[in-house]
Amino acid sequence: MKKLSILVLIAVLSALEMGQAREVIHKGDVVVAPINGEISPSLLTFLRRALKTAETSGGSAIIFEMNTYGGRLDSAEEITSALNHATIPTYTFINSNAGSAGAIVALATQHIYMAPVSAIGAAAPILPTGEDLPLTAREKTISYWSALIRGSALKNGHNPDIGEAFMNKDKEVKVGDRVIHAKGTLLTLNTQEATEKINGKPLLADGVAESIIDLTKKAGLKGNVVSIKPTGFEQLALWLTTLAPLLLLAGIVGAYLEFKIPGASLPGIISAICFALFFLGHYLAGLAGWEVVALFVLGLSLVIIEILFFAHSTIVFGVLGVLLMLASMLWAMIDRYPEQPFFPTGEMLAVPLRNLFIALVAAAIVIALLAKYLPRTSFYRRFALLTTNPPGPSLAGVPREFATAVDISPGTEGVSLSILRPSGKARFVDQIIDVITQGEFIPPNTSITVVRRDGMRVVVKAAR
C-alpha cells in the first residue's frame, strides 16, 4: 500500500510539473494561439488558458490563427464569452477557413485579418447528424444566436448585420444604398469581399496578411511573437473538471472511511487521489492556481490539529478547517478573468455552487448509509477488530452510573485493543472501554497508562 501511495504521488507531481511546463511570456509579447479542427470543449479549455496566460503575463495582444469548419455551438458560445472579457487587444487570423462556429468566434475578436485565399461565414445551426433542425427549434435557435452574434459584433466594432447574415438566411445586408447580400442564402465572404472598403471602411476584415509576422507588421504590433500550443492535458482537464462532483464525493467519503475504519489506509489513499485530481484538473484548465491548494492544505491541517490535540474539547479548529477546505473547492471551480471583481457573483458562482452542493448532499447520503450498514460488514469487522475484541462494557453508549463504577483512575495500566489514532478501545483488567490519546498514534496490543479522567473521557498514553 505504501508503494502504491508513493507511485500515485509521483504520478500526480509529474502531471503537475508537465502541466506547469508552459510557454514563457514576457510583458509586451504578442501571443499566438491556434484554432484548428473542431470547435469543442477541449478547445475552450485551451483558449481560456491561453487568454488568461497572455493577460496575466502582460502580453500586448493575442492572435488566434484559425482554420476550422466549425463545431459545437455551446463551445462557441463559451469561447465568445471568454473573448468578450479580454483585457488586451484580440485578433483573428483566418488562415483558410472560419466556417460556421468559427465565424462566431472570429466576430468575438476586435480585429480580423485573412489569408489571401480564405473564407468566413455560413454559421447556420444543424443537428450533430448534419441534418437541419426542426422548424420550431430552428427558429428559436436562430433568434437566440442572431441576438448573441449582433451583440458580440457590436462590442468588437463589426457590422452586426453581417454577423446575423452568417446565421440567418432571411437577413439582408445593406451598407448605405448598396445591397451587399440579398435574402435567401447564408452569407459567406471570401478574402476580397470581406476586405472590400465601402465608404472608406472595410466590410469586415481589417486587411489581408500572408502570415502571422505579416499581420503583426500591418497591425503595428511591436512585441516578440510567442506561440502557445495546446497540450494533451487540455483533454484531461476537460474530463477532470466535468467529473468534479464525483471526485469531491469520492474524496469526502474516502476521508470519512479513513477515520472511521482503524487500520485501513486504502480509503485515505483514494481520498487523497480524488482531491489531487480535482485540483489538478482545475489547475490545467486555467481555473485554479497553487493558492487554492495551499488553502485546502491549511484547512486540512486545522482539521487534523483538532482531531489530534483538541478532540472533545473545542470545535473551533475543526469548523474553521472545514470552511477553508470548502472555500478552496469552490474557489477552484470559479472561472474568473483578470478584470472581474475578486469576490465572484451571479453566473460565476452558479456552476461551482451547484457542483459543490451536489457533492456535499451526495456525500451526506452515502455517509449516512455507511454509518448504518458498514459496521455490519465483514470488511469493517476485519479492520475495526470487532470480531477479535472480547465482549465487555464501554464508556460510550452505557449509562453514566455504570461508567463511573469502572475503577479507571490516573496511573491505571491497560492494553490497547485497536489502533488509537487518537481514539479507540482498550482493556483494563476485564473491562473494555473507549479511550483517547493526547495526540499520538498507538498500535494495538500496546501497554498504555491512564493520564487523566474527565468524566466520560479517558485520556491515555503509551506506557514507558
Protein backbone atom coordinates (compact mmCIF):
# COMPACT_ATOMS: atom_id res chain seq x y z
CA MET A 1 0.00 0.00 0.00
CA LYS A 2 2.86 2.34 0.81
CA LYS A 3 4.41 1.67 -2.62
CA LEU A 4 1.06 2.41 -4.27
CA SER A 5 0.73 5.73 -2.49
CA ILE A 6 4.28 6.70 -3.49
CA LEU A 7 3.59 5.82 -7.13
CA VAL A 8 0.36 7.83 -7.08
CA LEU A 9 2.15 10.80 -5.55
CA ILE A 10 4.89 10.63 -8.19
CA ALA A 11 2.28 10.43 -10.97
CA VAL A 12 0.36 13.44 -9.67
CA LEU A 13 3.51 15.51 -9.19
CA SER A 14 4.70 14.57 -12.70
CA ALA A 15 1.37 15.65 -14.13
CA LEU A 16 1.55 18.94 -12.28
CA GLU A 17 5.11 19.50 -13.48
CA MET A 18 4.19 18.74 -17.10
CA GLY A 19 1.11 20.93 -16.84
CA GLN A 20 3.30 23.68 -15.46
CA ALA A 21 5.82 23.43 -18.32
CA ARG A 22 4.16 26.18 -20.25
CA GLU A 23 5.44 28.87 -22.54
CA VAL A 24 7.28 31.81 -21.02
CA ILE A 25 5.61 35.10 -21.95
CA HIS A 26 7.12 38.48 -21.15
CA LYS A 27 5.44 41.82 -20.87
CA GLY A 28 4.72 43.27 -24.30
CA ASP A 29 4.88 39.95 -26.18
CA VAL A 30 2.35 39.12 -28.88
CA VAL A 31 0.77 35.76 -28.07
CA VAL A 32 -0.39 33.43 -30.85
CA ALA A 33 -2.85 30.59 -30.18
CA PRO A 34 -4.09 28.18 -32.87
CA ILE A 35 -7.75 27.35 -33.51
CA ASN A 36 -7.59 24.25 -35.64
CA GLY A 37 -10.12 21.49 -36.20
CA GLU A 38 -13.45 21.28 -34.44
CA ILE A 39 -14.74 23.93 -32.05
CA SER A 40 -15.08 21.72 -28.96
CA PRO A 41 -14.96 21.76 -25.14
CA SER A 42 -11.26 20.84 -25.15
CA LEU A 43 -10.54 23.81 -27.44
CA LEU A 44 -12.44 26.02 -24.98
CA THR A 45 -10.19 24.77 -22.17
CA PHE A 46 -7.07 25.58 -24.17
CA LEU A 47 -8.23 29.03 -25.38
CA ARG A 48 -9.29 30.06 -21.89
CA ARG A 49 -5.83 29.15 -20.60
CA ALA A 50 -4.14 30.95 -23.49
CA LEU A 51 -6.15 34.12 -22.92
CA LYS A 52 -5.59 34.18 -19.18
CA THR A 53 -1.88 33.44 -19.60
CA ALA A 54 -1.50 36.28 -22.11
CA GLU A 55 -3.35 38.72 -19.86
CA THR A 56 -1.66 37.86 -16.58
CA SER A 57 1.79 37.83 -18.23
CA GLY A 58 1.36 41.32 -19.66
CA GLY A 59 1.02 40.34 -23.32
CA SER A 60 0.37 43.27 -25.65
CA ALA A 61 -2.12 41.33 -27.82
CA ILE A 62 -3.33 37.83 -28.62
CA ILE A 63 -3.79 36.46 -32.14
CA PHE A 64 -5.92 33.39 -32.86
CA GLU A 65 -4.73 31.63 -36.01
CA MET A 66 -7.89 29.99 -37.30
CA ASN A 67 -8.55 27.13 -39.68
CA THR A 68 -11.84 25.45 -38.81
CA TYR A 69 -15.04 24.40 -40.50
CA GLY A 70 -16.98 24.84 -37.24
CA GLY A 71 -18.13 22.64 -34.41
CA ARG A 72 -20.27 22.80 -31.31
CA LEU A 73 -22.36 25.93 -30.75
CA ASP A 74 -22.26 25.57 -26.96
CA SER A 75 -18.45 25.64 -27.02
CA ALA A 76 -18.52 28.59 -29.45
CA GLU A 77 -20.79 30.45 -27.04
CA GLU A 78 -18.42 29.93 -24.10
CA ILE A 79 -15.39 30.88 -26.19
CA THR A 80 -17.22 34.01 -27.33
CA SER A 81 -17.98 34.90 -23.71
CA ALA A 82 -14.31 34.44 -22.76
CA LEU A 83 -13.07 36.60 -25.66
CA ASN A 84 -15.56 39.35 -24.85
CA HIS A 85 -13.99 39.54 -21.36
CA ALA A 86 -10.48 40.05 -22.78
CA THR A 87 -8.47 42.97 -21.41
CA ILE A 88 -5.89 43.00 -24.22
CA PRO A 89 -6.41 43.53 -28.00
CA THR A 90 -7.67 40.38 -29.74
CA TYR A 91 -7.04 39.40 -33.36
CA THR A 92 -8.20 36.56 -35.58
CA PHE A 93 -6.00 35.48 -38.49
CA ILE A 94 -8.18 33.36 -40.78
CA ASN A 95 -5.67 31.09 -42.43
CA SER A 96 -8.04 29.31 -44.84
CA ASN A 97 -11.35 28.75 -43.06
CA ALA A 98 -13.60 30.33 -40.44
CA GLY A 99 -16.74 28.33 -41.10
CA SER A 100 -19.88 28.04 -39.01
CA ALA A 101 -18.95 28.24 -35.30
CA GLY A 102 -15.51 29.55 -36.34
CA ALA A 103 -17.17 32.67 -37.81
CA ILE A 104 -18.94 33.27 -34.49
CA VAL A 105 -15.63 33.06 -32.62
CA ALA A 106 -13.91 35.38 -35.11
CA LEU A 107 -16.60 38.04 -34.60
CA ALA A 108 -15.80 37.98 -30.87
CA THR A 109 -12.31 39.38 -31.55
CA GLN A 110 -11.64 43.06 -32.18
CA HIS A 111 -9.65 42.68 -35.40
CA ILE A 112 -9.88 40.19 -38.26
CA TYR A 113 -7.20 39.55 -40.88
CA MET A 114 -7.49 36.97 -43.64
CA ALA A 115 -5.03 34.99 -45.72
CA PRO A 116 -5.25 35.70 -49.49
CA VAL A 117 -7.34 32.56 -50.09
CA SER A 118 -9.75 32.12 -47.20
CA ALA A 119 -13.44 32.39 -46.28
CA ILE A 120 -15.71 33.19 -43.34
CA GLY A 121 -19.41 32.58 -42.76
CA ALA A 122 -22.23 30.02 -43.08
CA ALA A 123 -22.95 29.63 -39.37
CA ALA A 124 -26.41 28.03 -39.54
CA PRO A 125 -27.18 25.64 -36.65
CA ILE A 126 -27.63 21.98 -37.57
CA LEU A 127 -28.09 18.66 -35.77
CA PRO A 128 -25.00 16.56 -34.88
CA THR A 129 -26.02 14.25 -37.74
CA GLY A 130 -25.68 17.14 -40.22
CA GLU A 131 -29.42 17.48 -40.79
CA ASP A 132 -31.38 20.71 -40.41
CA LEU A 133 -33.11 21.45 -37.14
CA PRO A 134 -36.90 21.03 -36.95
CA LEU A 135 -38.71 24.24 -37.91
CA THR A 136 -39.69 25.40 -34.40
CA ALA A 137 -36.29 24.57 -32.91
CA ARG A 138 -34.53 26.24 -35.84
CA GLU A 139 -36.48 29.48 -35.40
CA LYS A 140 -35.76 29.58 -31.67
CA THR A 141 -32.08 28.79 -32.16
CA ILE A 142 -31.61 31.32 -34.94
CA SER A 143 -33.41 34.01 -32.95
CA TYR A 144 -31.18 33.46 -29.90
CA TRP A 145 -27.92 33.20 -31.81
CA SER A 146 -28.72 36.16 -34.05
CA ALA A 147 -29.08 38.32 -30.95
CA LEU A 148 -25.86 36.93 -29.45
CA ILE A 149 -23.88 37.46 -32.65
CA ARG A 150 -25.20 41.00 -33.10
CA GLY A 151 -24.18 41.91 -29.56
CA SER A 152 -20.73 40.36 -29.95
CA ALA A 153 -20.16 42.04 -33.32
CA LEU A 154 -21.22 45.46 -31.99
CA LYS A 155 -18.93 45.14 -28.96
CA ASN A 156 -15.94 44.41 -31.18
CA GLY A 157 -16.61 47.03 -33.86
CA HIS A 158 -18.00 44.78 -36.61
CA ASN A 159 -21.14 45.23 -38.69
CA PRO A 160 -23.85 43.32 -36.75
CA ASP A 161 -25.93 42.74 -39.91
CA ILE A 162 -23.07 40.74 -41.42
CA GLY A 163 -22.80 38.57 -38.33
CA GLU A 164 -26.54 37.92 -38.34
CA ALA A 165 -26.49 37.08 -42.06
CA PHE A 166 -23.91 34.37 -41.30
CA MET A 167 -26.62 32.68 -39.19
CA ASN A 168 -29.95 33.75 -40.74
CA LYS A 169 -30.62 33.30 -44.46
CA ASP A 170 -33.56 35.71 -44.23
CA LYS A 171 -31.29 38.61 -43.28
CA GLU A 172 -30.49 41.22 -45.93
CA VAL A 173 -27.26 43.21 -45.60
CA LYS A 174 -27.09 46.77 -46.88
CA VAL A 175 -24.37 49.37 -46.49
CA GLY A 176 -25.87 52.70 -47.40
CA ASP A 177 -27.94 52.13 -50.53
CA ARG A 178 -25.86 49.18 -51.64
CA VAL A 179 -27.17 45.66 -51.07
CA ILE A 180 -24.21 43.54 -50.03
CA HIS A 181 -26.20 40.35 -49.54
CA ALA A 182 -29.77 39.53 -50.53
CA LYS A 183 -32.16 37.31 -48.62
CA GLY A 184 -32.42 33.64 -49.38
CA THR A 185 -28.97 32.24 -48.60
CA LEU A 186 -26.49 32.27 -45.76
CA LEU A 187 -23.72 34.82 -46.10
CA THR A 188 -20.17 33.64 -46.77
CA LEU A 189 -17.37 36.08 -47.58
CA ASN A 190 -14.04 35.40 -49.24
CA THR A 191 -10.97 37.49 -48.54
CA GLN A 192 -11.59 40.02 -51.29
CA GLU A 193 -15.24 40.54 -50.28
CA ALA A 194 -14.51 40.77 -46.55
CA THR A 195 -11.70 43.32 -47.01
CA GLU A 196 -13.51 45.48 -49.60
CA LYS A 197 -13.70 49.07 -48.44
CA ILE A 198 -17.08 50.77 -48.64
CA ASN A 199 -17.22 54.45 -47.71
CA GLY A 200 -13.60 54.16 -46.54
CA LYS A 201 -14.25 51.27 -44.14
CA PRO A 202 -13.60 47.52 -44.71
CA LEU A 203 -16.74 45.44 -44.88
CA LEU A 204 -15.49 43.04 -42.17
CA ALA A 205 -11.76 42.19 -42.14
CA ASP A 206 -9.09 44.81 -41.43
CA GLY A 207 -6.84 43.50 -44.18
CA VAL A 208 -5.02 40.70 -45.96
CA ALA A 209 -2.00 39.04 -44.34
CA GLU A 210 0.35 36.40 -45.71
CA SER A 211 1.38 35.17 -42.26
CA ILE A 212 1.35 35.98 -38.56
CA ILE A 213 4.50 38.06 -38.95
CA ASP A 214 2.90 39.97 -41.82
CA LEU A 215 -0.17 40.56 -39.66
CA THR A 216 1.89 41.97 -36.78
CA LYS A 217 3.58 44.41 -39.16
CA LYS A 218 0.32 45.60 -40.74
CA ALA A 219 -1.38 45.88 -37.35
CA GLY A 220 1.57 47.73 -35.82
CA LEU A 221 2.24 45.14 -33.11
CA LYS A 222 5.80 45.56 -31.84
CA GLY A 223 6.37 42.81 -29.29
CA ASN A 224 8.06 39.45 -29.77
CA VAL A 225 5.76 36.73 -31.13
CA VAL A 226 5.28 33.83 -28.71
CA SER A 227 3.13 30.80 -29.58
CA ILE A 228 1.02 28.86 -27.11
CA LYS A 229 0.24 25.29 -28.11
CA PRO A 230 -2.46 23.00 -26.72
CA THR A 231 -1.27 20.04 -24.67
CA GLY A 232 -2.64 16.57 -24.11
CA PHE A 233 -3.52 17.70 -20.62
CA GLU A 234 -6.19 20.07 -22.01
CA GLN A 235 -8.32 17.00 -22.77
CA LEU A 236 -7.50 15.54 -19.36
CA ALA A 237 -8.52 18.82 -17.75
CA LEU A 238 -11.85 18.69 -19.60
CA TRP A 239 -12.67 15.26 -18.16
CA LEU A 240 -11.46 16.08 -14.66
CA THR A 241 -13.45 19.33 -14.45
CA THR A 242 -16.53 17.56 -15.81
CA LEU A 243 -16.18 14.86 -13.15
CA ALA A 244 -15.58 17.41 -10.36
CA PRO A 245 -18.70 16.48 -8.29
CA LEU A 246 -17.82 12.78 -8.42
CA LEU A 247 -14.20 13.44 -7.43
CA LEU A 248 -15.35 15.56 -4.48
CA LEU A 249 -17.87 12.89 -3.46
CA ALA A 250 -15.24 10.13 -3.54
CA GLY A 251 -12.72 12.34 -1.71
CA ILE A 252 -15.14 13.19 1.11
CA VAL A 253 -16.38 9.62 1.54
CA GLY A 254 -12.81 8.27 1.42
CA ALA A 255 -11.77 10.71 4.16
CA TYR A 256 -14.73 9.61 6.30
CA LEU A 257 -13.82 5.93 5.91
CA GLU A 258 -10.16 6.66 6.71
CA PHE A 259 -11.12 8.00 10.14
CA LYS A 260 -13.95 5.53 10.67
CA ILE A 261 -12.06 2.30 10.00
CA PRO A 262 -8.90 1.93 12.12
CA GLY A 263 -6.04 0.26 10.28
CA ALA A 264 -7.43 0.76 6.76
CA SER A 265 -5.24 3.05 4.65
CA LEU A 266 -6.83 2.42 1.22
CA PRO A 267 -9.74 4.86 1.75
CA GLY A 268 -7.27 7.60 2.70
CA ILE A 269 -5.19 6.96 -0.41
CA ILE A 270 -8.31 7.04 -2.61
CA SER A 271 -9.42 10.27 -0.93
CA ALA A 272 -6.02 11.89 -1.49
CA ILE A 273 -6.01 10.81 -5.16
CA CYS A 274 -9.52 12.21 -5.76
CA PHE A 275 -8.74 15.58 -4.20
CA ALA A 276 -5.41 15.74 -6.07
CA LEU A 277 -7.15 15.00 -9.39
CA PHE A 278 -9.83 17.59 -8.60
CA PHE A 279 -7.29 20.38 -8.07
CA LEU A 280 -5.07 19.13 -10.90
CA GLY A 281 -7.94 19.26 -13.40
CA HIS A 282 -8.91 22.81 -12.48
CA TYR A 283 -5.26 23.88 -12.50
CA LEU A 284 -4.71 22.51 -16.00
CA ALA A 285 -7.98 24.08 -17.17
CA GLY A 286 -6.72 27.50 -16.09
CA LEU A 287 -9.38 27.83 -13.37
CA ALA A 288 -7.17 27.49 -10.30
CA GLY A 289 -3.64 28.15 -9.15
CA TRP A 290 -1.49 26.89 -6.31
CA GLU A 291 -3.17 29.28 -3.87
CA VAL A 292 -6.33 27.13 -3.74
CA VAL A 293 -4.24 24.04 -2.97
CA ALA A 294 -2.50 25.95 -0.17
CA LEU A 295 -5.88 26.99 1.23
CA PHE A 296 -7.09 23.37 1.14
CA VAL A 297 -3.93 22.10 2.86
CA LEU A 298 -4.30 24.79 5.54
CA GLY A 299 -7.88 23.73 6.18
CA LEU A 300 -6.90 20.05 6.30
CA SER A 301 -4.10 20.87 8.76
CA LEU A 302 -6.57 22.61 11.09
CA VAL A 303 -8.90 19.60 10.98
CA ILE A 304 -6.00 17.26 11.84
CA ILE A 305 -4.93 19.56 14.69
CA GLU A 306 -8.49 19.44 16.00
CA ILE A 307 -8.54 15.64 15.91
CA LEU A 308 -5.09 15.13 17.43
CA PHE A 309 -4.95 17.80 20.10
CA PHE A 310 -8.42 19.21 20.82
CA ALA A 311 -10.79 16.28 20.34
CA HIS A 312 -13.86 16.56 22.60
CA SER A 313 -12.70 19.93 23.95
CA THR A 314 -13.24 22.50 21.20
CA ILE A 315 -14.56 22.57 17.64
CA VAL A 316 -13.10 25.90 16.56
CA PHE A 317 -10.13 24.49 14.63
CA GLY A 318 -12.21 21.77 13.02
CA VAL A 319 -15.00 24.09 11.88
CA LEU A 320 -12.56 26.67 10.55
CA GLY A 321 -10.61 23.95 8.74
CA VAL A 322 -13.73 22.53 7.07
CA LEU A 323 -14.83 26.01 5.97
CA LEU A 324 -11.40 26.68 4.43
CA MET A 325 -11.48 23.35 2.60
CA LEU A 326 -14.96 24.06 1.21
CA ALA A 327 -13.89 27.56 0.20
CA SER A 328 -10.86 26.17 -1.65
CA MET A 329 -13.03 23.68 -3.57
CA LEU A 330 -15.47 26.42 -4.54
CA TRP A 331 -12.67 28.82 -5.48
CA ALA A 332 -11.02 26.20 -7.70
CA MET A 333 -14.16 25.87 -9.83
CA ILE A 334 -14.77 29.61 -10.39
CA ASP A 335 -13.93 30.86 -13.88
CA ARG A 336 -12.65 34.36 -13.05
CA TYR A 337 -10.96 36.69 -15.52
CA PRO A 338 -8.39 39.34 -14.53
CA GLU A 339 -10.68 42.36 -14.87
CA GLN A 340 -13.54 40.82 -12.89
CA PRO A 341 -14.07 41.54 -9.16
CA PHE A 342 -12.17 39.40 -6.68
CA PHE A 343 -15.37 38.23 -4.99
CA PRO A 344 -17.47 36.46 -7.65
CA THR A 345 -21.21 36.91 -8.02
CA GLY A 346 -24.07 35.75 -10.24
CA GLU A 347 -23.23 33.40 -13.09
CA MET A 348 -19.63 32.98 -11.94
CA LEU A 349 -20.89 31.20 -8.82
CA ALA A 350 -23.80 29.27 -10.32
CA VAL A 351 -21.99 26.19 -11.67
CA PRO A 352 -19.39 25.93 -8.85
CA LEU A 353 -22.10 26.18 -6.18
CA ARG A 354 -24.19 23.58 -8.00
CA ASN A 355 -21.29 21.14 -8.24
CA LEU A 356 -20.29 21.63 -4.61
CA PHE A 357 -23.90 21.27 -3.45
CA ILE A 358 -24.35 18.04 -5.41
CA ALA A 359 -21.12 16.62 -3.97
CA LEU A 360 -21.97 17.54 -0.37
CA VAL A 361 -25.55 16.24 -0.50
CA ALA A 362 -24.46 13.00 -2.17
CA ALA A 363 -21.63 12.59 0.37
CA ALA A 364 -24.05 13.13 3.27
CA ILE A 365 -26.38 10.45 1.90
CA VAL A 366 -23.55 7.95 1.30
CA ILE A 367 -22.01 8.60 4.74
CA ALA A 368 -25.40 8.14 6.43
CA LEU A 369 -25.84 4.79 4.67
CA LEU A 370 -22.29 3.74 5.56
CA ALA A 371 -22.77 4.70 9.20
CA LYS A 372 -25.85 2.49 9.35
CA TYR A 373 -24.73 -0.55 7.38
CA LEU A 374 -20.90 -0.54 7.36
CA PRO A 375 -20.42 -1.88 10.94
CA ARG A 376 -22.37 -4.99 9.91
CA THR A 377 -19.96 -5.88 7.11
CA SER A 378 -17.01 -8.28 7.32
CA PHE A 379 -14.78 -5.59 5.80
CA TYR A 380 -15.39 -3.27 8.75
CA ARG A 381 -15.02 -6.04 11.35
CA ARG A 382 -11.72 -7.05 9.80
CA PHE A 383 -10.16 -3.66 10.39
CA ALA A 384 -12.07 -2.46 13.44
CA LEU A 385 -11.27 -5.71 15.33
CA LEU A 386 -14.90 -6.10 16.36
CA THR A 387 -14.74 -9.87 15.99
CA THR A 388 -11.50 -10.29 17.93
CA ASN A 389 -12.25 -7.99 20.87
CA PRO A 390 -13.78 -9.92 23.81
CA PRO A 391 -17.15 -8.61 24.93
CA GLY A 392 -17.20 -6.05 27.67
CA PRO A 393 -18.71 -2.73 28.68
CA SER A 394 -17.70 0.52 27.03
CA LEU A 395 -17.80 4.04 28.38
CA ALA A 396 -19.53 5.07 25.14
CA GLY A 397 -23.20 4.21 24.93
CA VAL A 398 -23.70 2.90 28.52
CA PRO A 399 -25.46 4.55 31.45
CA ARG A 400 -23.32 7.12 33.27
CA GLU A 401 -23.73 5.41 36.63
CA PHE A 402 -22.29 2.18 35.22
CA ALA A 403 -19.40 4.02 33.56
CA THR A 404 -18.35 5.75 36.73
CA ALA A 405 -18.38 2.42 38.55
CA VAL A 406 -15.45 1.21 36.45
CA ASP A 407 -12.35 1.86 38.55
CA ILE A 408 -10.26 3.71 35.99
CA SER A 409 -8.05 6.36 37.58
CA PRO A 410 -4.78 8.09 36.59
CA GLY A 411 -1.95 5.55 36.60
CA THR A 412 -4.14 2.55 35.77
CA GLU A 413 -2.44 0.33 33.22
CA GLY A 414 -4.10 -1.49 30.36
CA VAL A 415 -3.65 -2.70 26.78
CA SER A 416 -4.87 -1.13 23.53
CA LEU A 417 -7.13 -3.47 21.59
CA SER A 418 -7.37 -1.37 18.42
CA ILE A 419 -5.11 1.25 16.94
CA LEU A 420 -5.56 4.53 18.83
CA ARG A 421 -5.47 7.38 16.32
CA PRO A 422 -6.18 9.07 18.61
CA SER A 423 -9.29 7.23 19.85
CA GLY A 424 -10.09 3.53 20.06
CA LYS A 425 -10.71 0.69 22.50
CA ALA A 426 -8.57 -0.56 25.36
CA ARG A 427 -8.78 -3.26 28.05
CA PHE A 428 -8.30 -2.52 31.75
CA VAL A 429 -8.38 -5.75 33.78
CA ASP A 430 -11.63 -7.31 32.49
CA GLN A 431 -13.24 -4.12 31.23
CA ILE A 432 -13.16 -2.78 27.63
CA ILE A 433 -13.70 0.97 27.31
CA ASP A 434 -13.27 3.78 24.77
CA VAL A 435 -10.10 5.84 25.27
CA ILE A 436 -8.28 8.69 23.55
CA THR A 437 -4.60 9.61 23.42
CA GLN A 438 -3.04 13.05 23.78
CA GLY A 439 -2.43 13.13 20.03
CA GLU A 440 -0.05 10.23 19.46
CA PHE A 441 -0.98 7.12 17.49
CA ILE A 442 -0.66 3.90 19.48
CA PRO A 443 -0.74 0.49 17.75
CA PRO A 444 -2.92 -2.37 19.03
CA ASN A 445 -1.65 -4.70 21.77
CA THR A 446 0.45 -1.93 23.30
CA SER A 447 0.71 -1.28 27.04
CA ILE A 448 -0.92 2.04 27.97
CA THR A 449 -1.35 4.14 31.09
CA VAL A 450 -4.30 6.40 32.05
CA VAL A 451 -3.16 10.02 32.19
CA ARG A 452 -6.40 11.59 33.40
CA ARG A 453 -10.14 11.05 33.60
CA ASP A 454 -12.52 13.84 32.54
CA GLY A 455 -15.99 12.48 33.26
CA MET A 456 -16.71 10.02 30.43
CA ARG A 457 -13.41 10.78 28.73
CA VAL A 458 -10.35 8.63 29.48
CA VAL A 459 -7.01 10.00 28.24
CA VAL A 460 -4.13 7.53 27.90
CA LYS A 461 -0.52 7.35 26.75
CA ALA A 462 1.88 4.57 25.86
CA ALA A 463 3.44 3.00 28.94
CA ARG A 464 7.17 3.59 29.26
